[in-house]
C-alpha atoms as a PDB file:
ATOM      1  CA  MET A   1      -2.259  -0.348  23.389  1.00  0.00           C
ATOM      2  CA  LYS A   2      -5.108   1.925  24.459  1.00  0.00           C
ATOM      3  CA  ARG A   3      -6.578  -0.851  26.611  1.00  0.00           C
ATOM      4  CA  GLN A   4      -3.171  -1.429  28.207  1.00  0.00           C
ATOM      5  CA  ARG A   5      -2.803   2.282  28.883  1.00  0.00           C
ATOM      6  CA  ALA A   6      -6.275   2.478  30.439  1.00  0.00           C
ATOM      7  CA  ALA A   7      -5.567  -0.505  32.703  1.00  0.00           C
ATOM      8  CA  ALA A   8      -2.243   0.952  33.798  1.00  0.00           C
ATOM      9  CA  ARG A   9      -3.738   4.341  34.559  1.00  0.00           C
ATOM     10  CA  LYS A  10      -6.478   2.678  36.583  1.00  0.00           C
ATOM     11  CA  ASP A  11      -3.685   1.292  38.753  1.00  0.00           C
ATOM     12  CA  GLY A  12      -2.224   4.785  39.154  1.00  0.00           C
ATOM     13  CA  ARG A  13       0.678   4.303  36.741  1.00  0.00           C
ATOM     14  CA  LEU A  14       1.846   7.100  34.433  1.00  0.00           C
ATOM     15  CA  VAL A  15       1.620   5.463  31.016  1.00  0.00           C
ATOM     16  CA  GLY A  16       1.273   7.204  27.666  1.00  0.00           C
ATOM     17  CA  ILE A  17       1.074   6.419  23.965  1.00  0.00           C
ATOM     18  CA  GLY A  18       2.800   8.345  21.203  1.00  0.00           C
ATOM     19  CA  LEU A  19       2.458   8.135  17.443  1.00  0.00           C
ATOM     20  CA  ALA A  20       4.569   9.690  14.707  1.00  0.00           C
ATOM     21  CA  MET A  21       4.262   9.445  10.942  1.00  0.00           C
ATOM     22  CA  TYR A  22       6.978  10.462   8.506  1.00  0.00           C
ATOM     23  CA  VAL A  23       7.715  10.868   4.822  1.00  0.00           C
ATOM     24  CA  GLU A  24      11.391  11.025   3.869  1.00  0.00           C
ATOM     25  CA  VAL A  25      13.201  12.162   0.737  1.00  0.00           C
ATOM     26  CA  CYS A  26      15.548   9.329  -0.310  1.00  0.00           C
ATOM     27  CA  GLY A  27      17.145   7.853  -3.406  1.00  0.00           C
ATOM     28  CA  VAL A  28      18.796  11.213  -3.951  1.00  0.00           C
ATOM     29  CA  GLY A  29      19.768  11.428  -7.558  1.00  0.00           C
ATOM     30  CA  PRO A  30      18.255  13.664 -10.215  1.00  0.00           C
ATOM     31  CA  SER A  31      20.992  15.787 -11.731  1.00  0.00           C
ATOM     32  CA  PHE A  32      18.649  18.763 -11.970  1.00  0.00           C
ATOM     33  CA  VAL A  33      18.731  18.690  -8.146  1.00  0.00           C
ATOM     34  CA  MET A  34      22.440  17.886  -7.775  1.00  0.00           C
ATOM     35  CA  ARG A  35      23.814  20.265 -10.343  1.00  0.00           C
ATOM     36  CA  THR A  36      27.378  20.443  -9.010  1.00  0.00           C
ATOM     37  CA  SER A  37      28.086  16.698  -8.873  1.00  0.00           C
ATOM     38  CA  GLY A  38      25.429  15.037 -10.993  1.00  0.00           C
ATOM     39  CA  GLY A  39      22.902  12.607  -9.617  1.00  0.00           C
ATOM     40  CA  TRP A  40      23.563   9.490 -11.666  1.00  0.00           C
ATOM     41  CA  GLU A  41      25.376   6.362 -10.540  1.00  0.00           C
ATOM     42  CA  TYR A  42      27.677   3.917 -12.299  1.00  0.00           C
ATOM     43  CA  SER A  43      28.411   0.199 -12.301  1.00  0.00           C
ATOM     44  CA  GLN A  44      30.404  -2.296 -14.334  1.00  0.00           C
ATOM     45  CA  VAL A  45      29.722  -6.038 -14.356  1.00  0.00           C
ATOM     46  CA  THR A  46      32.239  -8.533 -15.731  1.00  0.00           C
ATOM     47  CA  VAL A  47      31.790 -12.276 -16.123  1.00  0.00           C
ATOM     48  CA  GLU A  48      35.326 -13.623 -15.851  1.00  0.00           C
ATOM     49  CA  ARG A  49      36.731 -16.505 -17.909  1.00  0.00           C
ATOM     50  CA  ASP A  50      36.124 -18.987 -15.084  1.00  0.00           C
ATOM     51  CA  GLY A  51      32.489 -17.958 -14.653  1.00  0.00           C
ATOM     52  CA  ARG A  52      33.042 -15.830 -11.575  1.00  0.00           C
ATOM     53  CA  ILE A  53      31.471 -12.370 -11.597  1.00  0.00           C
ATOM     54  CA  THR A  54      33.222  -9.143 -10.636  1.00  0.00           C
ATOM     55  CA  ALA A  55      31.259  -5.920 -10.286  1.00  0.00           C
ATOM     56  CA  THR A  56      32.295  -2.373  -9.486  1.00  0.00           C
ATOM     57  CA  THR A  57      29.972   0.256  -8.067  1.00  0.00           C
ATOM     58  CA  GLY A  58      30.267   3.987  -7.520  1.00  0.00           C
ATOM     59  CA  VAL A  59      28.451   3.813  -4.183  1.00  0.00           C
ATOM     60  CA  SER A  60      30.538   2.854  -1.175  1.00  0.00           C
ATOM     61  CA  PRO A  61      28.871   1.274   1.858  1.00  0.00           C
ATOM     62  CA  HIS A  62      29.629   2.130   5.465  1.00  0.00           C
ATOM     63  CA  GLY A  63      27.537  -0.510   7.181  1.00  0.00           C
ATOM     64  CA  GLN A  64      24.509  -0.882   4.887  1.00  0.00           C
ATOM     65  CA  GLY A  65      25.535  -4.348   3.679  1.00  0.00           C
ATOM     66  CA  ASN A  66      25.719  -3.370   0.009  1.00  0.00           C
ATOM     67  CA  GLU A  67      28.295  -6.053  -0.738  1.00  0.00           C
ATOM     68  CA  THR A  68      25.801  -8.693   0.411  1.00  0.00           C
ATOM     69  CA  THR A  69      22.771  -7.191  -1.306  1.00  0.00           C
ATOM     70  CA  PHE A  70      24.547  -6.449  -4.586  1.00  0.00           C
ATOM     71  CA  ALA A  71      26.073  -9.943  -4.718  1.00  0.00           C
ATOM     72  CA  GLN A  72      22.623 -11.388  -4.049  1.00  0.00           C
ATOM     73  CA  MET A  73      21.136  -9.332  -6.882  1.00  0.00           C
ATOM     74  CA  LEU A  74      23.714 -10.519  -9.440  1.00  0.00           C
ATOM     75  CA  ALA A  75      23.526 -14.108  -8.215  1.00  0.00           C
ATOM     76  CA  ASP A  76      19.762 -14.074  -8.770  1.00  0.00           C
ATOM     77  CA  GLN A  77      20.149 -12.357 -12.121  1.00  0.00           C
ATOM     78  CA  PHE A  78      22.671 -14.878 -13.474  1.00  0.00           C
ATOM     79  CA  GLY A  79      21.531 -17.977 -11.572  1.00  0.00           C
ATOM     80  CA  VAL A  80      24.862 -18.568  -9.818  1.00  0.00           C
ATOM     81  CA  PRO A  81      25.902 -18.844  -6.132  1.00  0.00           C
ATOM     82  CA  SER A  82      26.372 -15.487  -4.417  1.00  0.00           C
ATOM     83  CA  GLU A  83      29.846 -16.556  -3.263  1.00  0.00           C
ATOM     84  CA  HIS A  84      30.874 -16.478  -6.934  1.00  0.00           C
ATOM     85  CA  VAL A  85      30.253 -12.707  -7.014  1.00  0.00           C
ATOM     86  CA  THR A  86      32.775 -10.075  -5.917  1.00  0.00           C
ATOM     87  CA  ILE A  87      31.727  -6.458  -5.366  1.00  0.00           C
ATOM     88  CA  LEU A  88      34.427  -3.775  -5.587  1.00  0.00           C
ATOM     89  CA  HIS A  89      33.920  -0.215  -4.334  1.00  0.00           C
ATOM     90  CA  GLY A  90      35.621   2.746  -2.732  1.00  0.00           C
ATOM     91  CA  ASP A  91      38.824   2.535  -4.797  1.00  0.00           C
ATOM     92  CA  THR A  92      39.321   5.051  -7.595  1.00  0.00           C
ATOM     93  CA  ALA A  93      42.065   2.835  -9.024  1.00  0.00           C
ATOM     94  CA  VAL A  94      39.440   0.175  -9.696  1.00  0.00           C
ATOM     95  CA  VAL A  95      36.089   1.977  -9.999  1.00  0.00           C
ATOM     96  CA  LYS A  96      36.122   4.306 -12.985  1.00  0.00           C
ATOM     97  CA  GLN A  97      33.121   6.470 -12.142  1.00  0.00           C
ATOM     98  CA  GLY A  98      30.762   7.213  -9.290  1.00  0.00           C
ATOM     99  CA  ILE A  99      28.971   9.845  -7.246  1.00  0.00           C
ATOM    100  CA  GLY A 100      28.819   8.100  -3.858  1.00  0.00           C
ATOM    101  CA  THR A 101      26.678   7.066  -0.934  1.00  0.00           C
ATOM    102  CA  PHE A 102      24.331   9.515   0.816  1.00  0.00           C
ATOM    103  CA  GLY A 103      20.643  10.236   0.991  1.00  0.00           C
ATOM    104  CA  SER A 104      19.684   6.540   0.969  1.00  0.00           C
ATOM    105  CA  ARG A 105      20.696   6.244  -2.686  1.00  0.00           C
ATOM    106  CA  SER A 106      22.872   3.106  -2.535  1.00  0.00           C
ATOM    107  CA  GLN A 107      20.147   0.683  -3.567  1.00  0.00           C
ATOM    108  CA  ALA A 108      17.728   2.955  -5.390  1.00  0.00           C
ATOM    109  CA  VAL A 109      20.394   4.521  -7.621  1.00  0.00           C
ATOM    110  CA  GLY A 110      23.572   2.441  -7.278  1.00  0.00           C
ATOM    111  CA  GLY A 111      21.700  -0.857  -7.171  1.00  0.00           C
ATOM    112  CA  THR A 112      19.775   0.086 -10.281  1.00  0.00           C
ATOM    113  CA  ALA A 113      22.990   0.870 -12.176  1.00  0.00           C
ATOM    114  CA  LEU A 114      24.327  -2.532 -11.104  1.00  0.00           C
ATOM    115  CA  HIS A 115      21.114  -4.231 -12.229  1.00  0.00           C
ATOM    116  CA  MET A 116      21.307  -2.520 -15.628  1.00  0.00           C
ATOM    117  CA  ALA A 117      24.968  -3.427 -16.172  1.00  0.00           C
ATOM    118  CA  GLY A 118      24.232  -7.004 -15.149  1.00  0.00           C
ATOM    119  CA  GLY A 119      21.338  -7.133 -17.598  1.00  0.00           C
ATOM    120  CA  LYS A 120      23.594  -6.037 -20.449  1.00  0.00           C
ATOM    121  CA  ALA A 121      26.242  -8.643 -19.574  1.00  0.00           C
ATOM    122  CA  LYS A 122      23.610 -11.352 -19.274  1.00  0.00           C
ATOM    123  CA  ALA A 123      22.102 -10.456 -22.663  1.00  0.00           C
ATOM    124  CA  LYS A 124      25.510 -10.763 -24.330  1.00  0.00           C
ATOM    125  CA  MET A 125      26.234 -14.015 -22.531  1.00  0.00           C
ATOM    126  CA  ALA A 126      22.921 -15.382 -23.764  1.00  0.00           C
ATOM    127  CA  LYS A 127      24.078 -14.801 -27.352  1.00  0.00           C
ATOM    128  CA  PHE A 128      27.225 -16.856 -26.772  1.00  0.00           C
ATOM    129  CA  ALA A 129      25.190 -19.584 -25.076  1.00  0.00           C
ATOM    130  CA  ALA A 130      22.704 -19.599 -27.943  1.00  0.00           C
ATOM    131  CA  ALA A 131      25.544 -20.216 -30.387  1.00  0.00           C
ATOM    132  CA  LEU A 132      26.873 -23.115 -28.318  1.00  0.00           C
ATOM    133  CA  LEU A 133      23.460 -24.697 -27.787  1.00  0.00           C
ATOM    134  CA  GLU A 134      22.134 -23.931 -31.278  1.00  0.00           C
ATOM    135  CA  ALA A 135      19.085 -22.311 -29.746  1.00  0.00           C
ATOM    136  CA  HIS A 136      17.463 -18.909 -29.676  1.00  0.00           C
ATOM    137  CA  GLU A 137      18.667 -16.655 -26.895  1.00  0.00           C
ATOM    138  CA  ASP A 138      15.102 -15.927 -25.773  1.00  0.00           C
ATOM    139  CA  ASP A 139      14.630 -19.645 -25.030  1.00  0.00           C
ATOM    140  CA  LEU A 140      17.515 -19.867 -22.549  1.00  0.00           C
ATOM    141  CA  VAL A 141      17.251 -20.287 -18.776  1.00  0.00           C
ATOM    142  CA  PHE A 142      19.991 -19.133 -16.374  1.00  0.00           C
ATOM    143  CA  GLU A 143      19.637 -21.321 -13.295  1.00  0.00           C
ATOM    144  CA  SER A 144      21.710 -23.268 -10.759  1.00  0.00           C
ATOM    145  CA  GLY A 145      25.007 -22.471 -12.437  1.00  0.00           C
ATOM    146  CA  GLN A 146      23.835 -23.657 -15.839  1.00  0.00           C
ATOM    147  CA  ILE A 147      22.387 -22.158 -18.994  1.00  0.00           C
ATOM    148  CA  SER A 148      19.829 -24.489 -20.540  1.00  0.00           C
ATOM    149  CA  VAL A 149      17.156 -24.487 -23.206  1.00  0.00           C
ATOM    150  CA  LYS A 150      13.662 -23.904 -21.903  1.00  0.00           C
ATOM    151  CA  GLY A 151      11.734 -27.182 -21.900  1.00  0.00           C
ATOM    152  CA  SER A 152      14.899 -29.202 -22.660  1.00  0.00           C
ATOM    153  CA  PRO A 153      16.983 -29.262 -19.472  1.00  0.00           C
ATOM    154  CA  ALA A 154      19.313 -31.868 -20.976  1.00  0.00           C
ATOM    155  CA  ALA A 155      20.442 -29.283 -23.524  1.00  0.00           C
ATOM    156  CA  ALA A 156      22.627 -27.219 -21.245  1.00  0.00           C
ATOM    157  CA  LYS A 157      26.078 -25.771 -20.719  1.00  0.00           C
ATOM    158  CA  THR A 158      27.607 -24.811 -17.411  1.00  0.00           C
ATOM    159  CA  PHE A 159      27.910 -21.117 -16.683  1.00  0.00           C
ATOM    160  CA  ALA A 160      31.703 -21.465 -16.666  1.00  0.00           C
ATOM    161  CA  GLU A 161      31.719 -23.202 -20.070  1.00  0.00           C
ATOM    162  CA  VAL A 162      29.807 -20.349 -21.685  1.00  0.00           C
ATOM    163  CA  ALA A 163      32.027 -17.775 -19.965  1.00  0.00           C
ATOM    164  CA  ALA A 164      35.163 -19.492 -21.250  1.00  0.00           C
ATOM    165  CA  PHE A 165      33.731 -19.624 -24.771  1.00  0.00           C
ATOM    166  CA  ALA A 166      33.027 -15.872 -24.641  1.00  0.00           C
ATOM    167  CA  TYR A 167      36.744 -15.218 -24.230  1.00  0.00           C
ATOM    168  CA  ILE A 168      37.921 -17.791 -26.795  1.00  0.00           C
ATOM    169  CA  PRO A 169      34.975 -17.800 -29.220  1.00  0.00           C
ATOM    170  CA  VAL A 170      35.962 -20.228 -31.962  1.00  0.00           C
ATOM    171  CA  PRO A 171      34.208 -19.612 -34.206  1.00  0.00           C
ATOM    172  CA  LEU A 172      33.154 -16.097 -33.153  1.00  0.00           C
ATOM    173  CA  PRO A 173      29.359 -15.792 -33.442  1.00  0.00           C
ATOM    174  CA  ALA A 174      28.261 -13.194 -35.980  1.00  0.00           C
ATOM    175  CA  GLY A 175      27.735  -9.706 -34.597  1.00  0.00           C
ATOM    176  CA  LEU A 176      29.606 -10.327 -31.325  1.00  0.00           C
ATOM    177  CA  GLU A 177      32.884  -9.185 -29.827  1.00  0.00           C
ATOM    178  CA  PRO A 178      34.818 -11.388 -27.393  1.00  0.00           C
ATOM    179  CA  GLY A 179      34.510 -10.795 -23.660  1.00  0.00           C
ATOM    180  CA  LEU A 180      31.728 -10.297 -21.134  1.00  0.00           C
ATOM    181  CA  SER A 181      32.040  -6.902 -19.518  1.00  0.00           C
ATOM    182  CA  GLU A 182      29.364  -4.220 -19.561  1.00  0.00           C
ATOM    183  CA  GLU A 183      28.795  -0.914 -17.796  1.00  0.00           C
ATOM    184  CA  ALA A 184      25.793   1.252 -17.093  1.00  0.00           C
ATOM    185  CA  PHE A 185      24.929   4.720 -15.848  1.00  0.00           C
ATOM    186  CA  PHE A 186      21.575   5.283 -14.166  1.00  0.00           C
ATOM    187  CA  GLU A 187      20.035   8.731 -13.881  1.00  0.00           C
ATOM    188  CA  PRO A 188      16.851   8.623 -11.746  1.00  0.00           C
ATOM    189  CA  PRO A 189      14.036  10.893 -12.897  1.00  0.00           C
ATOM    190  CA  ASN A 190      13.124  11.819  -9.331  1.00  0.00           C
ATOM    191  CA  ASN A 191      13.824  11.159  -5.654  1.00  0.00           C
ATOM    192  CA  THR A 192      12.026   8.400  -3.775  1.00  0.00           C
ATOM    193  CA  TYR A 193       9.699   8.933  -0.835  1.00  0.00           C
ATOM    194  CA  PRO A 194       9.627   6.143   1.777  1.00  0.00           C
ATOM    195  CA  PHE A 195       7.216   6.616   4.662  1.00  0.00           C
ATOM    196  CA  GLY A 196       6.139   4.989   7.881  1.00  0.00           C
ATOM    197  CA  CYS A 197       4.400   5.126  11.247  1.00  0.00           C
ATOM    198  CA  HIS A 198       5.946   4.454  14.672  1.00  0.00           C
ATOM    199  CA  ILE A 199       3.876   3.894  17.817  1.00  0.00           C
ATOM    200  CA  VAL A 200       5.354   3.633  21.310  1.00  0.00           C
ATOM    201  CA  MET A 201       4.214   3.177  24.901  1.00  0.00           C
ATOM    202  CA  VAL A 202       6.166   4.866  27.713  1.00  0.00           C
ATOM    203  CA  GLU A 203       5.830   4.682  31.477  1.00  0.00           C
ATOM    204  CA  VAL A 204       7.178   7.358  33.829  1.00  0.00           C
ATOM    205  CA  ASP A 205       7.912   6.346  37.411  1.00  0.00           C
ATOM    206  CA  ARG A 206       5.957   8.561  39.843  1.00  0.00           C
ATOM    207  CA  GLU A 207       8.653   8.400  42.491  1.00  0.00           C
ATOM    208  CA  THR A 208      11.789   8.954  40.413  1.00  0.00           C
ATOM    209  CA  GLY A 209      10.678  10.371  37.039  1.00  0.00           C
ATOM    210  CA  GLU A 210      12.510   7.539  35.284  1.00  0.00           C
ATOM    211  CA  PRO A 211      10.977   6.897  31.808  1.00  0.00           C
ATOM    212  CA  THR A 212      10.739   3.312  30.560  1.00  0.00           C
ATOM    213  CA  LEU A 213       9.971   2.312  27.019  1.00  0.00           C
ATOM    214  CA  LEU A 214       7.368  -0.442  27.287  1.00  0.00           C
ATOM    215  CA  LYS A 215       6.555  -1.091  23.663  1.00  0.00           C
ATOM    216  CA  MET A 216       7.659   0.063  20.222  1.00  0.00           C
ATOM    217  CA  VAL A 217       5.949  -0.770  16.924  1.00  0.00           C
ATOM    218  CA  ALA A 218       7.485   0.421  13.661  1.00  0.00           C
ATOM    219  CA  VAL A 219       5.719   0.128  10.311  1.00  0.00           C
ATOM    220  CA  ASP A 220       7.933   1.279   7.431  1.00  0.00           C
ATOM    221  CA  ASP A 221       7.518   1.331   3.664  1.00  0.00           C
ATOM    222  CA  ALA A 222      10.816   1.296   1.777  1.00  0.00           C
ATOM    223  CA  GLY A 223       9.339  -0.091  -1.410  1.00  0.00           C
ATOM    224  CA  HIS A 224      10.559  -3.438  -2.701  1.00  0.00           C
ATOM    225  CA  LEU A 225      13.009  -5.011  -0.234  1.00  0.00           C
ATOM    226  CA  ILE A 226      15.934  -6.805  -1.864  1.00  0.00           C
ATOM    227  CA  ASN A 227      17.191  -8.241   1.441  1.00  0.00           C
ATOM    228  CA  PRO A 228      14.579  -7.935   4.231  1.00  0.00           C
ATOM    229  CA  LEU A 229      17.004  -9.099   6.938  1.00  0.00           C
ATOM    230  CA  ILE A 230      19.454  -6.284   6.180  1.00  0.00           C
ATOM    231  CA  VAL A 231      16.579  -3.785   6.131  1.00  0.00           C
ATOM    232  CA  GLU A 232      15.430  -5.073   9.525  1.00  0.00           C
ATOM    233  CA  GLY A 233      18.935  -4.608  10.899  1.00  0.00           C
ATOM    234  CA  GLN A 234      19.092  -1.028   9.623  1.00  0.00           C
ATOM    235  CA  ILE A 235      15.733  -0.238  11.217  1.00  0.00           C
ATOM    236  CA  HIS A 236      16.870  -1.777  14.526  1.00  0.00           C
ATOM    237  CA  GLY A 237      19.937   0.468  14.481  1.00  0.00           C
ATOM    238  CA  GLY A 238      17.850   3.514  13.605  1.00  0.00           C
ATOM    239  CA  LEU A 239      15.397   2.825  16.417  1.00  0.00           C
ATOM    240  CA  ALA A 240      18.294   2.502  18.871  1.00  0.00           C
ATOM    241  CA  GLN A 241      19.644   5.859  17.700  1.00  0.00           C
ATOM    242  CA  GLY A 242      16.237   7.514  17.925  1.00  0.00           C
ATOM    243  CA  ILE A 243      15.655   6.153  21.428  1.00  0.00           C
ATOM    244  CA  GLY A 244      19.066   7.373  22.510  1.00  0.00           C
ATOM    245  CA  GLN A 245      18.365  10.840  21.158  1.00  0.00           C
ATOM    246  CA  ALA A 246      15.047  11.117  22.975  1.00  0.00           C
ATOM    247  CA  MET A 247      15.831   9.460  26.296  1.00  0.00           C
ATOM    248  CA  ILE A 248      19.550   9.020  26.971  1.00  0.00           C
ATOM    249  CA  GLU A 249      22.069  10.958  24.885  1.00  0.00           C
ATOM    250  CA  GLU A 250      22.711  14.622  25.652  1.00  0.00           C
ATOM    251  CA  VAL A 251      25.550  17.082  25.163  1.00  0.00           C
ATOM    252  CA  VAL A 252      25.815  19.238  28.292  1.00  0.00           C
ATOM    253  CA  TYR A 253      27.782  22.478  28.766  1.00  0.00           C
ATOM    254  CA  SER A 254      28.492  24.408  31.933  1.00  0.00           C
ATOM    255  CA  GLU A 255      27.358  28.018  32.311  1.00  0.00           C
ATOM    256  CA  ASP A 256      30.762  29.209  31.120  1.00  0.00           C
ATOM    257  CA  GLY A 257      30.645  27.024  27.996  1.00  0.00           C
ATOM    258  CA  GLN A 258      32.783  24.116  29.215  1.00  0.00           C
ATOM    259  CA  LEU A 259      31.776  20.771  27.669  1.00  0.00           C
ATOM    260  CA  LEU A 260      30.805  18.439  30.504  1.00  0.00           C
ATOM    261  CA  THR A 261      30.087  15.334  28.430  1.00  0.00           C
ATOM    262  CA  GLY A 262      33.332  15.102  26.500  1.00  0.00           C
ATOM    263  CA  SER A 263      33.942  11.393  27.083  1.00  0.00           C
ATOM    264  CA  PHE A 264      31.890   8.233  27.299  1.00  0.00           C
ATOM    265  CA  MET A 265      32.398   8.324  31.062  1.00  0.00           C
ATOM    266  CA  ASP A 266      29.966  11.246  31.050  1.00  0.00           C
ATOM    267  CA  TYR A 267      28.048  10.950  27.777  1.00  0.00           C
ATOM    268  CA  ALA A 268      25.468   8.173  28.060  1.00  0.00           C
ATOM    269  CA  LEU A 269      24.844   5.705  25.237  1.00  0.00           C
ATOM    270  CA  PRO A 270      21.828   3.405  24.939  1.00  0.00           C
ATOM    271  CA  ARG A 271      22.333  -0.241  25.873  1.00  0.00           C
ATOM    272  CA  ALA A 272      20.332  -3.361  25.102  1.00  0.00           C
ATOM    273  CA  ILE A 273      18.621  -3.115  28.490  1.00  0.00           C
ATOM    274  CA  ASP A 274      17.133   0.240  27.440  1.00  0.00           C
ATOM    275  CA  PHE A 275      15.143  -1.285  24.576  1.00  0.00           C
ATOM    276  CA  PRO A 276      11.967  -3.343  24.450  1.00  0.00           C
ATOM    277  CA  ARG A 277      11.586  -6.022  21.795  1.00  0.00           C
ATOM    278  CA  PHE A 278      11.018  -4.076  18.612  1.00  0.00           C
ATOM    279  CA  GLU A 279       7.894  -5.050  16.691  1.00  0.00           C
ATOM    280  CA  LEU A 280       8.562  -4.416  13.007  1.00  0.00           C
ATOM    281  CA  HIS A 281       6.138  -4.500  10.102  1.00  0.00           C
ATOM    282  CA  ALA A 282       6.452  -3.427   6.492  1.00  0.00           C
ATOM    283  CA  THR A 283       4.129  -2.294   3.766  1.00  0.00           C
ATOM    284  CA  VAL A 284       5.414  -2.450   0.194  1.00  0.00           C
ATOM    285  CA  THR A 285       4.678   0.405  -2.180  1.00  0.00           C
ATOM    286  CA  PRO A 286       7.237   0.164  -5.009  1.00  0.00           C
ATOM    287  CA  THR A 287       8.535   3.428  -6.360  1.00  0.00           C
ATOM    288  CA  PRO A 288       8.054   4.031 -10.097  1.00  0.00           C
ATOM    289  CA  VAL A 289      11.348   5.932 -10.475  1.00  0.00           C
ATOM    290  CA  ASN A 290      13.594   2.855 -10.744  1.00  0.00           C
ATOM    291  CA  PRO A 291      13.054  -0.683 -12.075  1.00  0.00           C
ATOM    292  CA  LEU A 292      13.812  -2.257  -8.684  1.00  0.00           C
ATOM    293  CA  GLY A 293      10.971  -0.430  -6.931  1.00  0.00           C
ATOM    294  CA  ALA A 294      13.391   0.246  -4.040  1.00  0.00           C
ATOM    295  CA  LYS A 295      13.087   3.512  -2.100  1.00  0.00           C
ATOM    296  CA  GLY A 296      15.821   3.373   0.578  1.00  0.00           C
ATOM    297  CA  VAL A 297      15.692   2.867   4.333  1.00  0.00           C
ATOM    298  CA  GLY A 298      18.711   4.727   5.711  1.00  0.00           C
ATOM    299  CA  GLU A 299      17.101   6.937   8.369  1.00  0.00           C
ATOM    300  CA  ALA A 300      13.706   5.249   8.737  1.00  0.00           C
ATOM    301  CA  GLY A 301      14.249   4.050  12.311  1.00  0.00           C
ATOM    302  CA  THR A 302      15.275   7.470  13.612  1.00  0.00           C
ATOM    303  CA  LEU A 303      12.545   9.496  11.953  1.00  0.00           C
ATOM    304  CA  GLY A 304       9.477   8.154  13.722  1.00  0.00           C
ATOM    305  CA  SER A 305      10.902   6.823  16.974  1.00  0.00           C
ATOM    306  CA  THR A 306      12.172  10.047  18.539  1.00  0.00           C
ATOM    307  CA  PRO A 307       9.010  12.184  18.193  1.00  0.00           C
ATOM    308  CA  ALA A 308       6.805   9.198  19.087  1.00  0.00           C
ATOM    309  CA  ILE A 309       8.706   8.724  22.373  1.00  0.00           C
ATOM    310  CA  VAL A 310       8.418  12.406  23.270  1.00  0.00           C
ATOM    311  CA  ALA A 311       4.703  12.363  22.424  1.00  0.00           C
ATOM    312  CA  ALA A 312       4.174   9.245  24.557  1.00  0.00           C
ATOM    313  CA  THR A 313       5.967  10.829  27.505  1.00  0.00           C
ATOM    314  CA  SER A 314       3.855  13.964  27.183  1.00  0.00           C
ATOM    315  CA  ASP A 315       0.762  11.756  27.131  1.00  0.00           C
ATOM    316  CA  ALA A 316       1.939   9.909  30.245  1.00  0.00           C
ATOM    317  CA  LEU A 317       2.197  13.220  32.107  1.00  0.00           C
ATOM    318  CA  ARG A 318      -1.050  14.637  30.780  1.00  0.00           C
ATOM    319  CA  GLU A 319      -2.649  14.757  34.235  1.00  0.00           C
ATOM    320  CA  PHE A 320      -0.033  17.370  35.178  1.00  0.00           C
ATOM    321  CA  GLY A 321      -1.086  19.661  32.339  1.00  0.00           C
ATOM    322  CA  VAL A 322       1.784  18.658  30.055  1.00  0.00           C
ATOM    323  CA  GLN A 323       1.313  19.232  26.338  1.00  0.00           C
ATOM    324  CA  HIS A 324       4.953  19.290  25.244  1.00  0.00           C
ATOM    325  CA  ILE A 325       8.363  18.346  26.650  1.00  0.00           C
ATOM    326  CA  ASP A 326      11.705  19.246  25.125  1.00  0.00           C
ATOM    327  CA  MET A 327      14.281  16.516  24.728  1.00  0.00           C
ATOM    328  CA  MET A 328      16.290  15.073  26.410  1.00  0.00           C
ATOM    329  CA  LEU A 329      13.839  13.234  28.692  1.00  0.00           C
ATOM    330  CA  ARG A 330      15.975  13.265  31.844  1.00  0.00           C
ATOM    331  CA  PRO A 331      14.390  11.658  34.920  1.00  0.00           C
ATOM    332  CA  GLU A 332      15.141  14.876  36.866  1.00  0.00           C
ATOM    333  CA  LYS A 333      13.139  16.912  34.374  1.00  0.00           C
ATOM    334  CA  LEU A 334      10.166  14.538  34.489  1.00  0.00           C
ATOM    335  CA  TRP A 335      10.345  14.290  38.307  1.00  0.00           C
ATOM    336  CA  LYS A 336      10.089  18.082  38.584  1.00  0.00           C
ATOM    337  CA  ILE A 337       6.967  18.026  36.447  1.00  0.00           C
ATOM    338  CA  ILE A 338       5.416  15.363  38.643  1.00  0.00           C
ATOM    339  CA  GLN A 339       6.322  17.351  41.766  1.00  0.00           C
ATOM    340  CA  GLY A 340       4.685  20.462  40.300  1.00  0.00           C
ATOM    341  CA  GLY A 341       7.901  22.221  39.402  1.00  0.00           C
ATOM    342  CA  GLN A 342       8.855  23.650  36.045  1.00  0.00           C
ATOM    343  CA  ALA A 343      10.936  21.486  33.724  1.00  0.00           C
END
């Protein structure tokens, strides 16, 4: 990037580089922090008689893709297709307990509760399978919709067969109760702390003051990623929001306090043409505060992008004595700086 900036400046172009690093508090949960509501989360996992899995969770997604990620987690845990898993949320008639979704806690706290409840249900199911297969439960493998004996794949029962037996256990294995439904509460011992670094390159047009985002690189560390594609989508959305905040979106009032940007005819929103191709990278530093190692990624894209863009624009206008520019980066404001006026 520095070589590209140097070459552009040699040609008389106003190009700058900006860098921003962040550390965010996520996985909000410890009850000693959230004394009024509690910081735990709840989940219940039930293996139905036909082998399908139904899970309830106290977190309720609003675009994070939790239904997909949670179904994927249970499918991997039980060795069944993800389409055999149903995730229920957001209905107090169905979900008995829950704190909710905020502070990037869906996966770190809610996902952990789901994982724990699933582990309990799987352990009980293994006992029923062990009775059917006349094997020890520690020697069983849950895979491809079957439960088999390790080293003896021919000795196997389908997942549905074991589930059906759990509800009509004749004879009932010693020490067991019928049914396969377990619940779990997870209380995290601390918050999580994802971090990252965003680097951008901006060019400002000498004639018009129009800023153009040439390049954006985002390196984020959200711990262990359960579904990298969903994480990438969340970061894309966050970068779009951060770019809009820095370069395009602005609430404007008249001198007498009248809102001038009260509709989308007047309030600008970023479009695809306003973005470069995002270059995303990830480092993985698992958090020790939950068994998944997940830290959360809710606001990652917005945290580094906005200050990095402002820093890059300031760098582009360095020859005019600029050290800082307040958002929003309107072309008029930047043009005045170039012309020697005061922004």
